[in-house]
Each structure stands twice: as C-alpha cells, then as structure tokens.
Amino acid sequence: MAWIVLMISGVFEAGWAISLKLSDGFSKLWPSVSFLVLAAISFSGLAWAMRTLPAGPAYAVWTGIGAALTAVIGMVWLGDAVSALKVVSLVLIVAGVIGLNLAGSH
C-alpha cells in the first residue's frame, strides 16, 4: 500500500510543480493556492509512505514520477520543446522508477 500512496503522491508532485509554473512567481492567486494544496497532499503522502519504505528508493520514486510527469505535461500542454534525447531520458526515468519499485517489493 505504501508504494501506491507514494506513486499517487508523485502525481501530486507534478501537480504542484505545474501550479508553481502557472502561479508566475506566486503573483496569480488560484495557481498559488493550488500549489499550496497539492504540495501539502504530495508531501503528506511521501511522509506517510516513508514510515515503512526505505528513504532512498522512496524519495527517488517520488521525485522520478513527479519529474517525468511534469516534463511530459510541459511538453504536451505548456509548449516545452520536445527532442529525442528528452523522450529517451524520460523512458530511463520511468525504467528507474519501475526498477526501484520492484527492488523494494521484497
């Protein structure tokens, strides 16, 4: 169950990262509020999952999911540049997250 909570928290990490971008340096109210709410949810899930999971893999999975999803959202909806190297790098991040998840399952 901790791995599932951790992965969901990684999705919320991407949400707060995108909200932070959209807040324009906290100058826009609703993206700033969204950032605070999503960050609180994300960090709470990470903290809960780390009660039973090892710190290194848990943090790496959380940041990996958040970073990869944030990059994809940036490329798909925010106009960030797309390149073959970025796509390959995202695949490697996802492979690392899967590997850490499998390694921590026993």
C-alpha atoms as a PDB file:
ATOM      1  CA  MET A   1       0.000   0.000   0.000  1.00  0.00           C
ATOM      2  CA  ALA A   2       2.872   2.395   0.750  1.00  0.00           C
ATOM      3  CA  TRP A   3       4.146   2.122  -2.826  1.00  0.00           C
ATOM      4  CA  ILE A   4       0.712   3.036  -4.191  1.00  0.00           C
ATOM      5  CA  VAL A   5       0.450   6.055  -1.880  1.00  0.00           C
ATOM      6  CA  LEU A   6       3.979   7.046  -2.883  1.00  0.00           C
ATOM      7  CA  MET A   7       3.179   6.876  -6.602  1.00  0.00           C
ATOM      8  CA  ILE A   8      -0.019   8.891  -6.173  1.00  0.00           C
ATOM      9  CA  SER A   9       1.999  11.433  -4.178  1.00  0.00           C
ATOM     10  CA  GLY A  10       4.404  11.640  -7.120  1.00  0.00           C
ATOM     11  CA  VAL A  11       1.476  12.587  -9.354  1.00  0.00           C
ATOM     12  CA  PHE A  12       0.544  15.318  -6.880  1.00  0.00           C
ATOM     13  CA  GLU A  13       4.173  16.465  -7.011  1.00  0.00           C
ATOM     14  CA  ALA A  14       3.771  17.059 -10.737  1.00  0.00           C
ATOM     15  CA  GLY A  15       0.571  18.962  -9.969  1.00  0.00           C
ATOM     16  CA  TRP A  16       2.255  21.342  -7.561  1.00  0.00           C
ATOM     17  CA  ALA A  17       5.213  21.830  -9.920  1.00  0.00           C
ATOM     18  CA  ILE A  18       2.881  22.813 -12.765  1.00  0.00           C
ATOM     19  CA  SER A  19       0.868  25.030 -10.412  1.00  0.00           C
ATOM     20  CA  LEU A  20       4.092  26.724  -9.361  1.00  0.00           C
ATOM     21  CA  LYS A  21       4.889  27.454 -13.008  1.00  0.00           C
ATOM     22  CA  LEU A  22       1.383  28.777 -13.636  1.00  0.00           C
ATOM     23  CA  SER A  23       1.475  30.938 -10.491  1.00  0.00           C
ATOM     24  CA  ASP A  24       4.016  33.209 -12.191  1.00  0.00           C
ATOM     25  CA  GLY A  25       6.132  33.640  -9.079  1.00  0.00           C
ATOM     26  CA  PHE A  26       3.093  33.471  -6.768  1.00  0.00           C
ATOM     27  CA  SER A  27       1.585  36.510  -8.481  1.00  0.00           C
ATOM     28  CA  LYS A  28      -1.589  34.643  -9.524  1.00  0.00           C
ATOM     29  CA  LEU A  29      -3.958  33.632  -6.739  1.00  0.00           C
ATOM     30  CA  TRP A  30      -5.533  30.352  -7.846  1.00  0.00           C
ATOM     31  CA  PRO A  31      -2.405  28.654  -9.173  1.00  0.00           C
ATOM     32  CA  SER A  32      -0.673  29.729  -5.942  1.00  0.00           C
ATOM     33  CA  VAL A  33      -3.471  28.226  -3.835  1.00  0.00           C
ATOM     34  CA  SER A  34      -3.362  25.080  -5.977  1.00  0.00           C
ATOM     35  CA  PHE A  35       0.387  24.865  -5.407  1.00  0.00           C
ATOM     36  CA  LEU A  36      -0.041  25.009  -1.619  1.00  0.00           C
ATOM     37  CA  VAL A  37      -2.824  22.399  -1.547  1.00  0.00           C
ATOM     38  CA  LEU A  38      -1.130  19.983  -3.941  1.00  0.00           C
ATOM     39  CA  ALA A  39       2.245  20.357  -2.205  1.00  0.00           C
ATOM     40  CA  ALA A  40       0.653  19.590   1.171  1.00  0.00           C
ATOM     41  CA  ILE A  41      -1.019  16.469  -0.238  1.00  0.00           C
ATOM     42  CA  SER A  42       2.137  15.351  -2.015  1.00  0.00           C
ATOM     43  CA  PHE A  43       4.447  15.817   0.971  1.00  0.00           C
ATOM     44  CA  SER A  44       1.925  14.190   3.315  1.00  0.00           C
ATOM     45  CA  GLY A  45       1.756  11.115   1.103  1.00  0.00           C
ATOM     46  CA  LEU A  46       5.539  10.975   0.872  1.00  0.00           C
ATOM     47  CA  ALA A  47       5.845  11.260   4.647  1.00  0.00           C
ATOM     48  CA  TRP A  48       3.252   8.532   5.198  1.00  0.00           C
ATOM     49  CA  ALA A  49       4.900   6.167   2.703  1.00  0.00           C
ATOM     50  CA  MET A  50       8.350   6.750   4.198  1.00  0.00           C
ATOM     51  CA  ARG A  51       7.146   5.380   7.521  1.00  0.00           C
ATOM     52  CA  THR A  52       7.516   1.901   6.020  1.00  0.00           C
ATOM     53  CA  LEU A  53       9.630   2.328   2.880  1.00  0.00           C
ATOM     54  CA  PRO A  54      13.384   2.931   2.772  1.00  0.00           C
ATOM     55  CA  ALA A  55      14.180   6.622   2.363  1.00  0.00           C
ATOM     56  CA  GLY A  56      16.408   6.433  -0.718  1.00  0.00           C
ATOM     57  CA  PRO A  57      14.150   4.431  -3.034  1.00  0.00           C
ATOM     58  CA  ALA A  58      11.008   6.168  -1.751  1.00  0.00           C
ATOM     59  CA  TYR A  59      12.373   9.635  -2.413  1.00  0.00           C
ATOM     60  CA  ALA A  60      13.791   8.595  -5.789  1.00  0.00           C
ATOM     61  CA  VAL A  61      10.467   7.131  -6.913  1.00  0.00           C
ATOM     62  CA  TRP A  62       8.542  10.195  -5.691  1.00  0.00           C
ATOM     63  CA  THR A  63      10.819  12.645  -7.461  1.00  0.00           C
ATOM     64  CA  GLY A  64      11.121  10.443 -10.540  1.00  0.00           C
ATOM     65  CA  ILE A  65       7.382  10.245 -11.044  1.00  0.00           C
ATOM     66  CA  GLY A  66       6.979  13.951 -10.378  1.00  0.00           C
ATOM     67  CA  ALA A  67       9.825  14.960 -12.683  1.00  0.00           C
ATOM     68  CA  ALA A  68       8.802  12.687 -15.545  1.00  0.00           C
ATOM     69  CA  LEU A  69       5.143  13.657 -15.385  1.00  0.00           C
ATOM     70  CA  THR A  70       5.987  17.350 -15.081  1.00  0.00           C
ATOM     71  CA  ALA A  71       8.228  17.114 -18.145  1.00  0.00           C
ATOM     72  CA  VAL A  72       5.520  15.349 -20.159  1.00  0.00           C
ATOM     73  CA  ILE A  73       2.884  17.912 -19.137  1.00  0.00           C
ATOM     74  CA  GLY A  74       5.298  20.688 -20.042  1.00  0.00           C
ATOM     75  CA  MET A  75       5.901  19.232 -23.489  1.00  0.00           C
ATOM     76  CA  VAL A  76       2.255  18.368 -24.208  1.00  0.00           C
ATOM     77  CA  TRP A  77       0.392  21.368 -22.756  1.00  0.00           C
ATOM     78  CA  LEU A  78       2.867  24.125 -21.944  1.00  0.00           C
ATOM     79  CA  GLY A  79       4.830  24.259 -25.176  1.00  0.00           C
ATOM     80  CA  ASP A  80       8.148  22.976 -23.833  1.00  0.00           C
ATOM     81  CA  ALA A  81      10.485  21.746 -26.553  1.00  0.00           C
ATOM     82  CA  VAL A  82      10.427  18.037 -27.420  1.00  0.00           C
ATOM     83  CA  SER A  83      13.508  16.148 -28.536  1.00  0.00           C
ATOM     84  CA  ALA A  84      14.572  12.540 -28.916  1.00  0.00           C
ATOM     85  CA  LEU A  85      17.024  12.956 -26.040  1.00  0.00           C
ATOM     86  CA  LYS A  86      14.259  14.210 -23.731  1.00  0.00           C
ATOM     87  CA  VAL A  87      11.997  11.287 -24.638  1.00  0.00           C
ATOM     88  CA  VAL A  88      14.789   8.745 -24.103  1.00  0.00           C
ATOM     89  CA  SER A  89      15.644  10.386 -20.779  1.00  0.00           C
ATOM     90  CA  LEU A  90      12.005  10.178 -19.666  1.00  0.00           C
ATOM     91  CA  VAL A  91      11.923   6.483 -20.580  1.00  0.00           C
ATOM     92  CA  LEU A  92      15.043   5.967 -18.463  1.00  0.00           C
ATOM     93  CA  ILE A  93      13.422   7.756 -15.511  1.00  0.00           C
ATOM     94  CA  VAL A  94      10.332   5.565 -15.783  1.00  0.00           C
ATOM     95  CA  ALA A  95      12.523   2.447 -16.030  1.00  0.00           C
ATOM     96  CA  GLY A  96      14.366   3.549 -12.898  1.00  0.00           C
ATOM     97  CA  VAL A  97      11.114   4.111 -11.006  1.00  0.00           C
ATOM     98  CA  ILE A  98       9.886   0.651 -12.005  1.00  0.00           C
ATOM     99  CA  GLY A  99      13.211  -0.888 -11.021  1.00  0.00           C
ATOM    100  CA  LEU A 100      13.223   0.782  -7.615  1.00  0.00           C
ATOM    101  CA  ASN A 101       9.634  -0.291  -7.044  1.00  0.00           C
ATOM    102  CA  LEU A 102      10.438  -3.904  -7.919  1.00  0.00           C
ATOM    103  CA  ALA A 103      13.615  -3.893  -5.825  1.00  0.00           C
ATOM    104  CA  GLY A 104      11.719  -2.583  -2.812  1.00  0.00           C
ATOM    105  CA  SER A 105       8.876  -5.074  -3.046  1.00  0.00           C
ATOM    106  CA  HIS A 106      10.627  -7.843  -1.097  1.00  0.00           C
END
